[in-house]
ModelCIF file with pLDDT and N, C-alpha, C, O atoms, coordinates in Angstrom:
data_MODEL
#
_entry.id   MODEL 
#
_entity.id                         1 
_entity.type                       polymer 
_entity.pdbx_number_of_molecules   1 
#
_entity_poly.entity_id                      1 
_entity_poly.type                           'polypeptide(L)' 
_entity_poly.nstd_linkage                   no 
_entity_poly.nstd_monomer                   no 
_entity_poly.pdbx_seq_one_letter_code       YGMVKNFIAGGAAINVFCKQNGLKLLVCDVGVNGTFDENTERFVKYKI 
_entity_poly.pdbx_seq_one_letter_code_can   YGMVKNFIAGGAAINVFCKQNGLKLLVCDVGVNGTFDENTERFVKYKI 
_entity_poly.pdbx_strand_id                 A 
#
loop_
_entity_poly_seq.entity_id 
_entity_poly_seq.num 
_entity_poly_seq.mon_id 
_entity_poly_seq.hetero 
1 1  TYR n 
1 2  GLY n 
1 3  MET n 
1 4  VAL n 
1 5  LYS n 
1 6  ASN n 
1 7  PHE n 
1 8  ILE n 
1 9  ALA n 
1 10 GLY n 
1 11 GLY n 
1 12 ALA n 
1 13 ALA n 
1 14 ILE n 
1 15 ASN n 
1 16 VAL n 
1 17 PHE n 
1 18 CYS n 
1 19 LYS n 
1 20 GLN n 
1 21 ASN n 
1 22 GLY n 
1 23 LEU n 
1 24 LYS n 
1 25 LEU n 
1 26 LEU n 
1 27 VAL n 
1 28 CYS n 
1 29 ASP n 
1 30 VAL n 
1 31 GLY n 
1 32 VAL n 
1 33 ASN n 
1 34 GLY n 
1 35 THR n 
1 36 PHE n 
1 37 ASP n 
1 38 GLU n 
1 39 ASN n 
1 40 THR n 
1 41 GLU n 
1 42 ARG n 
1 43 PHE n 
1 44 VAL n 
1 45 LYS n 
1 46 TYR n 
1 47 LYS n 
1 48 ILE n 
#
_struct_asym.id          A 
_struct_asym.entity_id   1 
#
loop_
_ma_qa_metric.id 
_ma_qa_metric.mode 
_ma_qa_metric.name 
_ma_qa_metric.software_group_id 
_ma_qa_metric.type 
1 global pLDDT . pLDDT 
2 local  pLDDT . pLDDT 
#
_ma_qa_metric_global.metric_id      1 
_ma_qa_metric_global.metric_value   96.06 
_ma_qa_metric_global.model_id       1 
_ma_qa_metric_global.ordinal_id     1 
#
loop_
_ma_qa_metric_local.label_asym_id 
_ma_qa_metric_local.label_comp_id 
_ma_qa_metric_local.label_seq_id 
_ma_qa_metric_local.metric_id 
_ma_qa_metric_local.metric_value 
_ma_qa_metric_local.model_id 
_ma_qa_metric_local.ordinal_id 
A TYR 1  2 97.00 1 1  
A GLY 2  2 97.00 1 2  
A MET 3  2 97.00 1 3  
A VAL 4  2 97.00 1 4  
A LYS 5  2 97.00 1 5  
A ASN 6  2 97.00 1 6  
A PHE 7  2 97.00 1 7  
A ILE 8  2 96.00 1 8  
A ALA 9  2 96.00 1 9  
A GLY 10 2 96.00 1 10 
A GLY 11 2 97.00 1 11 
A ALA 12 2 98.00 1 12 
A ALA 13 2 98.00 1 13 
A ILE 14 2 98.00 1 14 
A ASN 15 2 98.00 1 15 
A VAL 16 2 98.00 1 16 
A PHE 17 2 98.00 1 17 
A CYS 18 2 98.00 1 18 
A LYS 19 2 98.00 1 19 
A GLN 20 2 98.00 1 20 
A ASN 21 2 98.00 1 21 
A GLY 22 2 98.00 1 22 
A LEU 23 2 98.00 1 23 
A LYS 24 2 98.00 1 24 
A LEU 25 2 98.00 1 25 
A LEU 26 2 98.00 1 26 
A VAL 27 2 98.00 1 27 
A CYS 28 2 98.00 1 28 
A ASP 29 2 98.00 1 29 
A VAL 30 2 98.00 1 30 
A GLY 31 2 98.00 1 31 
A VAL 32 2 98.00 1 32 
A ASN 33 2 97.00 1 33 
A GLY 34 2 96.00 1 34 
A THR 35 2 95.00 1 35 
A PHE 36 2 95.00 1 36 
A ASP 37 2 89.00 1 37 
A GLU 38 2 82.00 1 38 
A ASN 39 2 83.00 1 39 
A THR 40 2 89.00 1 40 
A GLU 41 2 91.00 1 41 
A ARG 42 2 94.00 1 42 
A PHE 43 2 97.00 1 43 
A VAL 44 2 96.00 1 44 
A LYS 45 2 94.00 1 45 
A TYR 46 2 96.00 1 46 
A LYS 47 2 97.00 1 47 
A ILE 48 2 98.00 1 48 
#
loop_
_atom_site.group_PDB 
_atom_site.id 
_atom_site.type_symbol 
_atom_site.label_atom_id 
_atom_site.label_alt_id 
_atom_site.label_comp_id 
_atom_site.label_asym_id 
_atom_site.label_entity_id 
_atom_site.label_seq_id 
_atom_site.pdbx_PDB_ins_code 
_atom_site.Cartn_x 
_atom_site.Cartn_y 
_atom_site.Cartn_z 
_atom_site.occupancy 
_atom_site.B_iso_or_equiv 
_atom_site.pdbx_formal_charge 
_atom_site.auth_seq_id 
_atom_site.auth_comp_id 
_atom_site.auth_asym_id 
_atom_site.auth_atom_id 
_atom_site.pdbx_PDB_model_num 
ATOM 1   N N  . TYR A 1 1  ? 7.106   -0.651  -8.127 1.00 97.00 ? 1  TYR A N  1 
ATOM 2   C CA . TYR A 1 1  ? 6.334   0.591   -8.088 1.00 97.00 ? 1  TYR A CA 1 
ATOM 3   C C  . TYR A 1 1  ? 4.876   0.323   -8.460 1.00 97.00 ? 1  TYR A C  1 
ATOM 4   O O  . TYR A 1 1  ? 3.961   0.797   -7.786 1.00 97.00 ? 1  TYR A O  1 
ATOM 5   N N  . GLY A 1 2  ? 4.664   -0.438  -9.535 1.00 97.00 ? 2  GLY A N  1 
ATOM 6   C CA . GLY A 1 2  ? 3.304   -0.730  -9.977 1.00 97.00 ? 2  GLY A CA 1 
ATOM 7   C C  . GLY A 1 2  ? 2.505   -1.488  -8.942 1.00 97.00 ? 2  GLY A C  1 
ATOM 8   O O  . GLY A 1 2  ? 1.316   -1.224  -8.757 1.00 97.00 ? 2  GLY A O  1 
ATOM 9   N N  . MET A 1 3  ? 3.143   -2.429  -8.262 1.00 97.00 ? 3  MET A N  1 
ATOM 10  C CA . MET A 1 3  ? 2.423   -3.199  -7.244 1.00 97.00 ? 3  MET A CA 1 
ATOM 11  C C  . MET A 1 3  ? 2.097   -2.360  -6.012 1.00 97.00 ? 3  MET A C  1 
ATOM 12  O O  . MET A 1 3  ? 1.042   -2.545  -5.406 1.00 97.00 ? 3  MET A O  1 
ATOM 13  N N  . VAL A 1 4  ? 2.979   -1.449  -5.637 1.00 97.00 ? 4  VAL A N  1 
ATOM 14  C CA . VAL A 1 4  ? 2.660   -0.579  -4.509 1.00 97.00 ? 4  VAL A CA 1 
ATOM 15  C C  . VAL A 1 4  ? 1.458   0.303   -4.859 1.00 97.00 ? 4  VAL A C  1 
ATOM 16  O O  . VAL A 1 4  ? 0.591   0.539   -4.017 1.00 97.00 ? 4  VAL A O  1 
ATOM 17  N N  . LYS A 1 5  ? 1.411   0.787   -6.100 1.00 97.00 ? 5  LYS A N  1 
ATOM 18  C CA . LYS A 1 5  ? 0.227   1.534   -6.541 1.00 97.00 ? 5  LYS A CA 1 
ATOM 19  C C  . LYS A 1 5  ? -1.027  0.662   -6.414 1.00 97.00 ? 5  LYS A C  1 
ATOM 20  O O  . LYS A 1 5  ? -2.089  1.143   -6.018 1.00 97.00 ? 5  LYS A O  1 
ATOM 21  N N  . ASN A 1 6  ? -0.894  -0.602  -6.749 1.00 97.00 ? 6  ASN A N  1 
ATOM 22  C CA . ASN A 1 6  ? -2.009  -1.543  -6.651 1.00 97.00 ? 6  ASN A CA 1 
ATOM 23  C C  . ASN A 1 6  ? -2.432  -1.752  -5.199 1.00 97.00 ? 6  ASN A C  1 
ATOM 24  O O  . ASN A 1 6  ? -3.624  -1.811  -4.899 1.00 97.00 ? 6  ASN A O  1 
ATOM 25  N N  . PHE A 1 7  ? -1.453  -1.865  -4.297 1.00 97.00 ? 7  PHE A N  1 
ATOM 26  C CA . PHE A 1 7  ? -1.780  -1.976  -2.864 1.00 97.00 ? 7  PHE A CA 1 
ATOM 27  C C  . PHE A 1 7  ? -2.576  -0.751  -2.401 1.00 97.00 ? 7  PHE A C  1 
ATOM 28  O O  . PHE A 1 7  ? -3.585  -0.873  -1.705 1.00 97.00 ? 7  PHE A O  1 
ATOM 29  N N  . ILE A 1 8  ? -2.097  0.427   -2.803 1.00 96.00 ? 8  ILE A N  1 
ATOM 30  C CA . ILE A 1 8  ? -2.738  1.662   -2.365 1.00 96.00 ? 8  ILE A CA 1 
ATOM 31  C C  . ILE A 1 8  ? -4.160  1.747   -2.903 1.00 96.00 ? 8  ILE A C  1 
ATOM 32  O O  . ILE A 1 8  ? -5.068  2.230   -2.226 1.00 96.00 ? 8  ILE A O  1 
ATOM 33  N N  . ALA A 1 9  ? -4.341  1.264   -4.149 1.00 96.00 ? 9  ALA A N  1 
ATOM 34  C CA . ALA A 1 9  ? -5.663  1.302   -4.780 1.00 96.00 ? 9  ALA A CA 1 
ATOM 35  C C  . ALA A 1 9  ? -6.599  0.228   -4.245 1.00 96.00 ? 9  ALA A C  1 
ATOM 36  O O  . ALA A 1 9  ? -7.811  0.305   -4.449 1.00 96.00 ? 9  ALA A O  1 
ATOM 37  N N  . GLY A 1 10 ? -6.044  -0.784  -3.557 1.00 96.00 ? 10 GLY A N  1 
ATOM 38  C CA . GLY A 1 10 ? -6.875  -1.830  -2.954 1.00 96.00 ? 10 GLY A CA 1 
ATOM 39  C C  . GLY A 1 10 ? -7.097  -3.044  -3.827 1.00 96.00 ? 10 GLY A C  1 
ATOM 40  O O  . GLY A 1 10 ? -8.009  -3.830  -3.571 1.00 96.00 ? 10 GLY A O  1 
ATOM 41  N N  . GLY A 1 11 ? -6.265  -3.218  -4.872 1.00 97.00 ? 11 GLY A N  1 
ATOM 42  C CA . GLY A 1 11 ? -6.528  -4.285  -5.837 1.00 97.00 ? 11 GLY A CA 1 
ATOM 43  C C  . GLY A 1 11 ? -5.673  -5.524  -5.751 1.00 97.00 ? 11 GLY A C  1 
ATOM 44  O O  . GLY A 1 11 ? -5.813  -6.417  -6.587 1.00 97.00 ? 11 GLY A O  1 
ATOM 45  N N  . ALA A 1 12 ? -4.789  -5.613  -4.771 1.00 98.00 ? 12 ALA A N  1 
ATOM 46  C CA . ALA A 1 12 ? -3.876  -6.756  -4.690 1.00 98.00 ? 12 ALA A CA 1 
ATOM 47  C C  . ALA A 1 12 ? -4.465  -7.871  -3.832 1.00 98.00 ? 12 ALA A C  1 
ATOM 48  O O  . ALA A 1 12 ? -5.450  -7.674  -3.120 1.00 98.00 ? 12 ALA A O  1 
ATOM 49  N N  . ALA A 1 13 ? -3.847  -9.037  -3.914 1.00 98.00 ? 13 ALA A N  1 
ATOM 50  C CA . ALA A 1 13 ? -4.302  -10.181 -3.115 1.00 98.00 ? 13 ALA A CA 1 
ATOM 51  C C  . ALA A 1 13 ? -4.312  -9.846  -1.635 1.00 98.00 ? 13 ALA A C  1 
ATOM 52  O O  . ALA A 1 13 ? -5.245  -10.219 -0.924 1.00 98.00 ? 13 ALA A O  1 
ATOM 53  N N  . ILE A 1 14 ? -3.286  -9.146  -1.156 1.00 98.00 ? 14 ILE A N  1 
ATOM 54  C CA . ILE A 1 14 ? -3.233  -8.849  0.275  1.00 98.00 ? 14 ILE A CA 1 
ATOM 55  C C  . ILE A 1 14 ? -4.384  -7.934  0.686  1.00 98.00 ? 14 ILE A C  1 
ATOM 56  O O  . ILE A 1 14 ? -4.896  -8.055  1.798  1.00 98.00 ? 14 ILE A O  1 
ATOM 57  N N  . ASN A 1 15 ? -4.798  -7.019  -0.195 1.00 98.00 ? 15 ASN A N  1 
ATOM 58  C CA . ASN A 1 15 ? -5.957  -6.175  0.105  1.00 98.00 ? 15 ASN A CA 1 
ATOM 59  C C  . ASN A 1 15 ? -7.210  -7.018  0.289  1.00 98.00 ? 15 ASN A C  1 
ATOM 60  O O  . ASN A 1 15 ? -7.981  -6.820  1.229  1.00 98.00 ? 15 ASN A O  1 
ATOM 61  N N  . VAL A 1 16 ? -7.399  -7.968  -0.632 1.00 98.00 ? 16 VAL A N  1 
ATOM 62  C CA . VAL A 1 16 ? -8.589  -8.819  -0.606 1.00 98.00 ? 16 VAL A CA 1 
ATOM 63  C C  . VAL A 1 16 ? -8.628  -9.650  0.667  1.00 98.00 ? 16 VAL A C  1 
ATOM 64  O O  . VAL A 1 16 ? -9.660  -9.725  1.333  1.00 98.00 ? 16 VAL A O  1 
ATOM 65  N N  . PHE A 1 17 ? -7.507  -10.273 1.005  1.00 98.00 ? 17 PHE A N  1 
ATOM 66  C CA . PHE A 1 17 ? -7.485  -11.182 2.161  1.00 98.00 ? 17 PHE A CA 1 
ATOM 67  C C  . PHE A 1 17 ? -7.562  -10.423 3.475  1.00 98.00 ? 17 PHE A C  1 
ATOM 68  O O  . PHE A 1 17 ? -8.200  -10.893 4.418  1.00 98.00 ? 17 PHE A O  1 
ATOM 69  N N  . CYS A 1 18 ? -6.925  -9.258  3.560  1.00 98.00 ? 18 CYS A N  1 
ATOM 70  C CA . CYS A 1 18 ? -7.031  -8.457  4.787  1.00 98.00 ? 18 CYS A CA 1 
ATOM 71  C C  . CYS A 1 18 ? -8.466  -7.986  4.998  1.00 98.00 ? 18 CYS A C  1 
ATOM 72  O O  . CYS A 1 18 ? -8.980  -8.031  6.116  1.00 98.00 ? 18 CYS A O  1 
ATOM 73  N N  . LYS A 1 19 ? -9.106  -7.538  3.932  1.00 98.00 ? 19 LYS A N  1 
ATOM 74  C CA . LYS A 1 19 ? -10.497 -7.089  4.041  1.00 98.00 ? 19 LYS A CA 1 
ATOM 75  C C  . LYS A 1 19 ? -11.392 -8.242  4.476  1.00 98.00 ? 19 LYS A C  1 
ATOM 76  O O  . LYS A 1 19 ? -12.263 -8.070  5.328  1.00 98.00 ? 19 LYS A O  1 
ATOM 77  N N  . GLN A 1 20 ? -11.178 -9.407  3.895  1.00 98.00 ? 20 GLN A N  1 
ATOM 78  C CA . GLN A 1 20 ? -12.005 -10.572 4.222  1.00 98.00 ? 20 GLN A CA 1 
ATOM 79  C C  . GLN A 1 20 ? -11.870 -10.963 5.683  1.00 98.00 ? 20 GLN A C  1 
ATOM 80  O O  . GLN A 1 20 ? -12.860 -11.312 6.326  1.00 98.00 ? 20 GLN A O  1 
ATOM 81  N N  . ASN A 1 21 ? -10.643 -10.908 6.217  1.00 98.00 ? 21 ASN A N  1 
ATOM 82  C CA . ASN A 1 21 ? -10.380 -11.485 7.538  1.00 98.00 ? 21 ASN A CA 1 
ATOM 83  C C  . ASN A 1 21 ? -10.147 -10.449 8.635  1.00 98.00 ? 21 ASN A C  1 
ATOM 84  O O  . ASN A 1 21 ? -9.709  -10.794 9.733  1.00 98.00 ? 21 ASN A O  1 
ATOM 85  N N  . GLY A 1 22 ? -10.438 -9.188  8.343  1.00 98.00 ? 22 GLY A N  1 
ATOM 86  C CA . GLY A 1 22 ? -10.480 -8.179  9.399  1.00 98.00 ? 22 GLY A CA 1 
ATOM 87  C C  . GLY A 1 22 ? -9.147  -7.653  9.877  1.00 98.00 ? 22 GLY A C  1 
ATOM 88  O O  . GLY A 1 22 ? -9.023  -7.253  11.034 1.00 98.00 ? 22 GLY A O  1 
ATOM 89  N N  . LEU A 1 23 ? -8.125  -7.644  8.994  1.00 98.00 ? 23 LEU A N  1 
ATOM 90  C CA . LEU A 1 23 ? -6.845  -7.041  9.356  1.00 98.00 ? 23 LEU A CA 1 
ATOM 91  C C  . LEU A 1 23 ? -6.736  -5.673  8.689  1.00 98.00 ? 23 LEU A C  1 
ATOM 92  O O  . LEU A 1 23 ? -7.133  -5.501  7.537  1.00 98.00 ? 23 LEU A O  1 
ATOM 93  N N  . LYS A 1 24 ? -6.203  -4.717  9.411  1.00 98.00 ? 24 LYS A N  1 
ATOM 94  C CA . LYS A 1 24 ? -5.960  -3.405  8.828  1.00 98.00 ? 24 LYS A CA 1 
ATOM 95  C C  . LYS A 1 24 ? -4.618  -3.428  8.113  1.00 98.00 ? 24 LYS A C  1 
ATOM 96  O O  . LYS A 1 24 ? -3.607  -3.830  8.690  1.00 98.00 ? 24 LYS A O  1 
ATOM 97  N N  . LEU A 1 25 ? -4.609  -2.996  6.853  1.00 98.00 ? 25 LEU A N  1 
ATOM 98  C CA . LEU A 1 25 ? -3.400  -3.028  6.039  1.00 98.00 ? 25 LEU A CA 1 
ATOM 99  C C  . LEU A 1 25 ? -2.737  -1.663  6.007  1.00 98.00 ? 25 LEU A C  1 
ATOM 100 O O  . LEU A 1 25 ? -3.380  -0.646  5.747  1.00 98.00 ? 25 LEU A O  1 
ATOM 101 N N  . LEU A 1 26 ? -1.423  -1.661  6.279  1.00 98.00 ? 26 LEU A N  1 
ATOM 102 C CA . LEU A 1 26 ? -0.601  -0.474  6.075  1.00 98.00 ? 26 LEU A CA 1 
ATOM 103 C C  . LEU A 1 26 ? 0.544   -0.833  5.138  1.00 98.00 ? 26 LEU A C  1 
ATOM 104 O O  . LEU A 1 26 ? 1.277   -1.793  5.376  1.00 98.00 ? 26 LEU A O  1 
ATOM 105 N N  . VAL A 1 27 ? 0.689   -0.057  4.078  1.00 98.00 ? 27 VAL A N  1 
ATOM 106 C CA . VAL A 1 27 ? 1.769   -0.252  3.108  1.00 98.00 ? 27 VAL A CA 1 
ATOM 107 C C  . VAL A 1 27 ? 2.796   0.848   3.341  1.00 98.00 ? 27 VAL A C  1 
ATOM 108 O O  . VAL A 1 27 ? 2.459   2.032   3.373  1.00 98.00 ? 27 VAL A O  1 
ATOM 109 N N  . CYS A 1 28 ? 4.048   0.447   3.502  1.00 98.00 ? 28 CYS A N  1 
ATOM 110 C CA . CYS A 1 28 ? 5.102   1.404   3.844  1.00 98.00 ? 28 CYS A CA 1 
ATOM 111 C C  . CYS A 1 28 ? 6.193   1.402   2.775  1.00 98.00 ? 28 CYS A C  1 
ATOM 112 O O  . CYS A 1 28 ? 6.824   0.377   2.517  1.00 98.00 ? 28 CYS A O  1 
ATOM 113 N N  . ASP A 1 29 ? 6.405   2.564   2.159  1.00 98.00 ? 29 ASP A N  1 
ATOM 114 C CA . ASP A 1 29 ? 7.491   2.744   1.196  1.00 98.00 ? 29 ASP A CA 1 
ATOM 115 C C  . ASP A 1 29 ? 8.756   3.120   1.953  1.00 98.00 ? 29 ASP A C  1 
ATOM 116 O O  . ASP A 1 29 ? 8.903   4.243   2.435  1.00 98.00 ? 29 ASP A O  1 
ATOM 117 N N  . VAL A 1 30 ? 9.674   2.147   2.046  1.00 98.00 ? 30 VAL A N  1 
ATOM 118 C CA . VAL A 1 30 ? 10.970  2.454   2.650  1.00 98.00 ? 30 VAL A CA 1 
ATOM 119 C C  . VAL A 1 30 ? 12.064  2.585   1.600  1.00 98.00 ? 30 VAL A C  1 
ATOM 120 O O  . VAL A 1 30 ? 13.175  3.009   1.918  1.00 98.00 ? 30 VAL A O  1 
ATOM 121 N N  . GLY A 1 31 ? 11.762  2.221   0.331  1.00 98.00 ? 31 GLY A N  1 
ATOM 122 C CA . GLY A 1 31 ? 12.826  2.282   -0.658 1.00 98.00 ? 31 GLY A CA 1 
ATOM 123 C C  . GLY A 1 31 ? 12.390  1.995   -2.081 1.00 98.00 ? 31 GLY A C  1 
ATOM 124 O O  . GLY A 1 31 ? 13.126  1.350   -2.828 1.00 98.00 ? 31 GLY A O  1 
ATOM 125 N N  . VAL A 1 32 ? 11.212  2.455   -2.475 1.00 98.00 ? 32 VAL A N  1 
ATOM 126 C CA . VAL A 1 32 ? 10.743  2.222   -3.842 1.00 98.00 ? 32 VAL A CA 1 
ATOM 127 C C  . VAL A 1 32 ? 11.320  3.299   -4.762 1.00 98.00 ? 32 VAL A C  1 
ATOM 128 O O  . VAL A 1 32 ? 11.387  4.475   -4.404 1.00 98.00 ? 32 VAL A O  1 
ATOM 129 N N  . ASN A 1 33 ? 11.730  2.870   -5.950 1.00 97.00 ? 33 ASN A N  1 
ATOM 130 C CA . ASN A 1 33 ? 12.283  3.798   -6.933 1.00 97.00 ? 33 ASN A CA 1 
ATOM 131 C C  . ASN A 1 33 ? 11.136  4.474   -7.683 1.00 97.00 ? 33 ASN A C  1 
ATOM 132 O O  . ASN A 1 33 ? 10.788  4.088   -8.798 1.00 97.00 ? 33 ASN A O  1 
ATOM 133 N N  . GLY A 1 34 ? 10.565  5.479   -7.052 1.00 96.00 ? 34 GLY A N  1 
ATOM 134 C CA . GLY A 1 34 ? 9.434   6.198   -7.622 1.00 96.00 ? 34 GLY A CA 1 
ATOM 135 C C  . GLY A 1 34 ? 8.743   6.987   -6.532 1.00 96.00 ? 34 GLY A C  1 
ATOM 136 O O  . GLY A 1 34 ? 8.910   6.692   -5.348 1.00 96.00 ? 34 GLY A O  1 
ATOM 137 N N  . THR A 1 35 ? 7.973   7.979   -6.915 1.00 95.00 ? 35 THR A N  1 
ATOM 138 C CA . THR A 1 35 ? 7.274   8.802   -5.943 1.00 95.00 ? 35 THR A CA 1 
ATOM 139 C C  . THR A 1 35 ? 5.780   8.520   -5.995 1.00 95.00 ? 35 THR A C  1 
ATOM 140 O O  . THR A 1 35 ? 5.233   8.159   -7.037 1.00 95.00 ? 35 THR A O  1 
ATOM 141 N N  . PHE A 1 36 ? 5.140   8.691   -4.856 1.00 95.00 ? 36 PHE A N  1 
ATOM 142 C CA . PHE A 1 36 ? 3.715   8.432   -4.734 1.00 95.00 ? 36 PHE A CA 1 
ATOM 143 C C  . PHE A 1 36 ? 3.028   9.695   -4.226 1.00 95.00 ? 36 PHE A C  1 
ATOM 144 O O  . PHE A 1 36 ? 3.437   10.289  -3.229 1.00 95.00 ? 36 PHE A O  1 
ATOM 145 N N  . ASP A 1 37 ? 1.976   10.088  -4.936 1.00 89.00 ? 37 ASP A N  1 
ATOM 146 C CA . ASP A 1 37 ? 1.230   11.282  -4.552 1.00 89.00 ? 37 ASP A CA 1 
ATOM 147 C C  . ASP A 1 37 ? -0.006  10.952  -3.732 1.00 89.00 ? 37 ASP A C  1 
ATOM 148 O O  . ASP A 1 37 ? -0.673  11.846  -3.211 1.00 89.00 ? 37 ASP A O  1 
ATOM 149 N N  . GLU A 1 38 ? -0.309  9.660   -3.620 1.00 82.00 ? 38 GLU A N  1 
ATOM 150 C CA . GLU A 1 38 ? -1.539  9.245   -2.948 1.00 82.00 ? 38 GLU A CA 1 
ATOM 151 C C  . GLU A 1 38 ? -1.527  9.659   -1.474 1.00 82.00 ? 38 GLU A C  1 
ATOM 152 O O  . GLU A 1 38 ? -0.506  9.566   -0.793 1.00 82.00 ? 38 GLU A O  1 
ATOM 153 N N  . ASN A 1 39 ? -2.665  10.108  -1.014 1.00 83.00 ? 39 ASN A N  1 
ATOM 154 C CA . ASN A 1 39 ? -2.829  10.479  0.394  1.00 83.00 ? 39 ASN A CA 1 
ATOM 155 C C  . ASN A 1 39 ? -3.954  9.622   0.971  1.00 83.00 ? 39 ASN A C  1 
ATOM 156 O O  . ASN A 1 39 ? -5.128  9.979   0.867  1.00 83.00 ? 39 ASN A O  1 
ATOM 157 N N  . THR A 1 40 ? -3.599  8.512   1.567  1.00 89.00 ? 40 THR A N  1 
ATOM 158 C CA . THR A 1 40 ? -4.570  7.590   2.121  1.00 89.00 ? 40 THR A CA 1 
ATOM 159 C C  . THR A 1 40 ? -4.034  6.996   3.408  1.00 89.00 ? 40 THR A C  1 
ATOM 160 O O  . THR A 1 40 ? -2.823  6.854   3.576  1.00 89.00 ? 40 THR A O  1 
ATOM 161 N N  . GLU A 1 41 ? -4.929  6.650   4.313  1.00 91.00 ? 41 GLU A N  1 
ATOM 162 C CA . GLU A 1 41 ? -4.499  6.074   5.589  1.00 91.00 ? 41 GLU A CA 1 
ATOM 163 C C  . GLU A 1 41 ? -3.860  4.710   5.408  1.00 91.00 ? 41 GLU A C  1 
ATOM 164 O O  . GLU A 1 41 ? -3.238  4.193   6.336  1.00 91.00 ? 41 GLU A O  1 
ATOM 165 N N  . ARG A 1 42 ? -4.002  4.115   4.225  1.00 94.00 ? 42 ARG A N  1 
ATOM 166 C CA . ARG A 1 42 ? -3.420  2.805   3.955  1.00 94.00 ? 42 ARG A CA 1 
ATOM 167 C C  . ARG A 1 42 ? -1.933  2.889   3.629  1.00 94.00 ? 42 ARG A C  1 
ATOM 168 O O  . ARG A 1 42 ? -1.246  1.868   3.631  1.00 94.00 ? 42 ARG A O  1 
ATOM 169 N N  . PHE A 1 43 ? -1.428  4.080   3.350  1.00 97.00 ? 43 PHE A N  1 
ATOM 170 C CA . PHE A 1 43 ? -0.070  4.246   2.824  1.00 97.00 ? 43 PHE A CA 1 
ATOM 171 C C  . PHE A 1 43 ? 0.761   5.131   3.730  1.00 97.00 ? 43 PHE A C  1 
ATOM 172 O O  . PHE A 1 43 ? 0.312   6.194   4.160  1.00 97.00 ? 43 PHE A O  1 
ATOM 173 N N  . VAL A 1 44 ? 1.993   4.682   4.022  1.00 96.00 ? 44 VAL A N  1 
ATOM 174 C CA . VAL A 1 44 ? 2.915   5.416   4.887  1.00 96.00 ? 44 VAL A CA 1 
ATOM 175 C C  . VAL A 1 44 ? 4.250   5.577   4.157  1.00 96.00 ? 44 VAL A C  1 
ATOM 176 O O  . VAL A 1 44 ? 4.729   4.639   3.520  1.00 96.00 ? 44 VAL A O  1 
ATOM 177 N N  . LYS A 1 45 ? 4.840   6.754   4.250  1.00 94.00 ? 45 LYS A N  1 
ATOM 178 C CA . LYS A 1 45 ? 6.125   7.013   3.602  1.00 94.00 ? 45 LYS A CA 1 
ATOM 179 C C  . LYS A 1 45 ? 7.239   7.097   4.639  1.00 94.00 ? 45 LYS A C  1 
ATOM 180 O O  . LYS A 1 45 ? 7.212   7.939   5.537  1.00 94.00 ? 45 LYS A O  1 
ATOM 181 N N  . TYR A 1 46 ? 8.220   6.207   4.498  1.00 96.00 ? 46 TYR A N  1 
ATOM 182 C CA . TYR A 1 46 ? 9.455   6.287   5.282  1.00 96.00 ? 46 TYR A CA 1 
ATOM 183 C C  . TYR A 1 46 ? 10.634  6.054   4.340  1.00 96.00 ? 46 TYR A C  1 
ATOM 184 O O  . TYR A 1 46 ? 11.581  5.354   4.697  1.00 96.00 ? 46 TYR A O  1 
ATOM 185 N N  . LYS A 1 47 ? 10.583  6.625   3.160  1.00 97.00 ? 47 LYS A N  1 
ATOM 186 C CA . LYS A 1 47 ? 11.599  6.301   2.151  1.00 97.00 ? 47 LYS A CA 1 
ATOM 187 C C  . LYS A 1 47 ? 12.998  6.688   2.622  1.00 97.00 ? 47 LYS A C  1 
ATOM 188 O O  . LYS A 1 47 ? 13.260  7.844   2.953  1.00 97.00 ? 47 LYS A O  1 
ATOM 189 N N  . ILE A 1 48 ? 13.885  5.703   2.645  1.00 98.00 ? 48 ILE A N  1 
ATOM 190 C CA . ILE A 1 48 ? 15.283  5.924   3.026  1.00 98.00 ? 48 ILE A CA 1 
ATOM 191 C C  . ILE A 1 48 ? 16.088  6.375   1.809  1.00 98.00 ? 48 ILE A C  1 
ATOM 192 O O  . ILE A 1 48 ? 17.290  6.614   1.919  1.00 98.00 ? 48 ILE A O  1 
#
């Protein structure tokens, strides 16, 4: 849960490397034990 929050906030290694090399990052919650209130184009909810 904490790392997904970090992805959404833009602070993880994958955020840094995607930004550097021109890839668009999408983070998808398919089964995290926790809820996310963030509304950003970087985050997609498909929680099963």
